[in-house]
Amino acid sequence: MVIAVADTRVYKFPQSTIAVEIYTDHAVILVLPERRKFILRLQPQTLKAMRATHPERSDRQLISMFVIKALEDGFLPVNEEIP
């Protein structure tokens, strides 16, 4: 799994477990066993486009769909790392 933090850092976690908590407007990604935490907030235009194609889904479900696709692809863009 590759995690890119904004446009400043890229991490590769080849053998890690990724745990994700989905909230109403963001997701918290925990990488184990490294115990690194990241925050993902979708860009407004990304969320708007997803709403247009999936109007029946909540924002929480849309964030979940985005994370699932990113995990399947092996590349997850995030906004920031939590110390």
Protein backbone atom coordinates (compact mmCIF):
# COMPACT_ATOMS: atom_id res chain seq x y z
CA MET A 1 0.00 0.00 0.00
CA VAL A 2 1.26 3.45 -0.91
CA ILE A 3 -0.05 6.43 1.06
CA ALA A 4 0.59 9.93 -0.28
CA VAL A 5 0.29 12.82 2.18
CA ALA A 6 -0.89 15.89 0.26
CA ASP A 7 1.92 16.72 -2.18
CA THR A 8 4.74 16.44 0.33
CA ARG A 9 5.35 12.82 1.39
CA VAL A 10 4.82 9.31 0.08
CA TYR A 11 4.99 6.19 2.24
CA LYS A 12 5.04 2.56 1.17
CA PHE A 13 3.71 -0.05 3.58
CA PRO A 14 4.23 -3.40 1.79
CA GLN A 15 3.19 -5.80 4.57
CA SER A 16 0.93 -3.68 6.76
CA THR A 17 -2.66 -3.91 7.85
CA ILE A 18 -4.79 -0.85 7.08
CA ALA A 19 -7.66 -0.08 9.48
CA VAL A 20 -10.09 2.68 8.53
CA GLU A 21 -12.72 4.51 10.59
CA ILE A 22 -15.25 6.38 8.47
CA TYR A 23 -16.90 9.50 9.88
CA THR A 24 -19.44 11.91 8.39
CA ASP A 25 -16.90 14.17 6.69
CA HIS A 26 -13.56 12.33 6.90
CA ALA A 27 -11.80 9.02 7.45
CA VAL A 28 -9.01 8.10 9.86
CA ILE A 29 -6.55 5.57 8.47
CA LEU A 30 -4.41 3.54 10.87
CA VAL A 31 -1.46 1.55 9.53
CA LEU A 32 -0.44 -1.44 11.67
CA PRO A 33 2.01 -2.52 13.04
CA GLU A 34 3.67 0.85 12.31
CA ARG A 35 0.91 2.68 14.23
CA ARG A 36 0.87 5.58 11.74
CA LYS A 37 -2.35 7.60 11.50
CA PHE A 38 -3.63 9.65 8.59
CA ILE A 39 -6.69 11.81 7.87
CA LEU A 40 -8.56 11.71 4.58
CA ARG A 41 -11.00 14.45 3.61
CA LEU A 42 -12.40 14.32 0.11
CA GLN A 43 -12.12 17.41 -2.05
CA PRO A 44 -15.51 19.14 -2.48
CA GLN A 45 -15.45 18.55 -6.26
CA THR A 46 -14.72 14.82 -5.74
CA LEU A 47 -17.58 14.49 -3.29
CA LYS A 48 -19.89 16.44 -5.65
CA ALA A 49 -19.03 14.15 -8.57
CA MET A 50 -19.61 11.05 -6.44
CA ARG A 51 -22.97 12.43 -5.25
CA ALA A 52 -24.00 12.94 -8.87
CA THR A 53 -23.30 9.31 -9.76
CA HIS A 54 -24.61 7.84 -6.48
CA PRO A 55 -27.38 10.17 -5.23
CA GLU A 56 -28.87 7.50 -2.96
CA ARG A 57 -25.70 7.21 -0.85
CA SER A 58 -24.71 9.29 2.17
CA ASP A 59 -21.42 11.18 2.36
CA ARG A 60 -20.18 8.55 4.78
CA GLN A 61 -20.90 5.81 2.24
CA LEU A 62 -19.20 7.83 -0.50
CA ILE A 63 -16.05 8.23 1.60
CA SER A 64 -16.14 4.50 2.26
CA MET A 65 -16.42 3.78 -1.48
CA PHE A 66 -13.45 6.06 -2.18
CA VAL A 67 -11.31 4.32 0.46
CA ILE A 68 -12.27 0.84 -0.75
CA LYS A 69 -11.32 1.71 -4.34
CA ALA A 70 -8.03 3.25 -3.21
CA LEU A 71 -7.17 0.17 -1.13
CA GLU A 72 -7.96 -2.08 -4.08
CA ASP A 73 -5.70 0.06 -6.30
CA GLY A 74 -2.90 0.13 -3.70
CA PHE A 75 -2.68 3.94 -3.61
CA LEU A 76 -4.41 6.13 -1.02
CA PRO A 77 -4.08 9.93 -1.14
CA VAL A 78 -4.60 11.53 2.29
CA ASN A 79 -4.63 15.08 3.58
CA GLU A 80 -2.41 14.82 6.61
CA GLU A 81 -0.57 12.57 9.03
CA ILE A 82 -1.54 12.65 12.71
CA PRO A 83 1.47 12.57 15.02
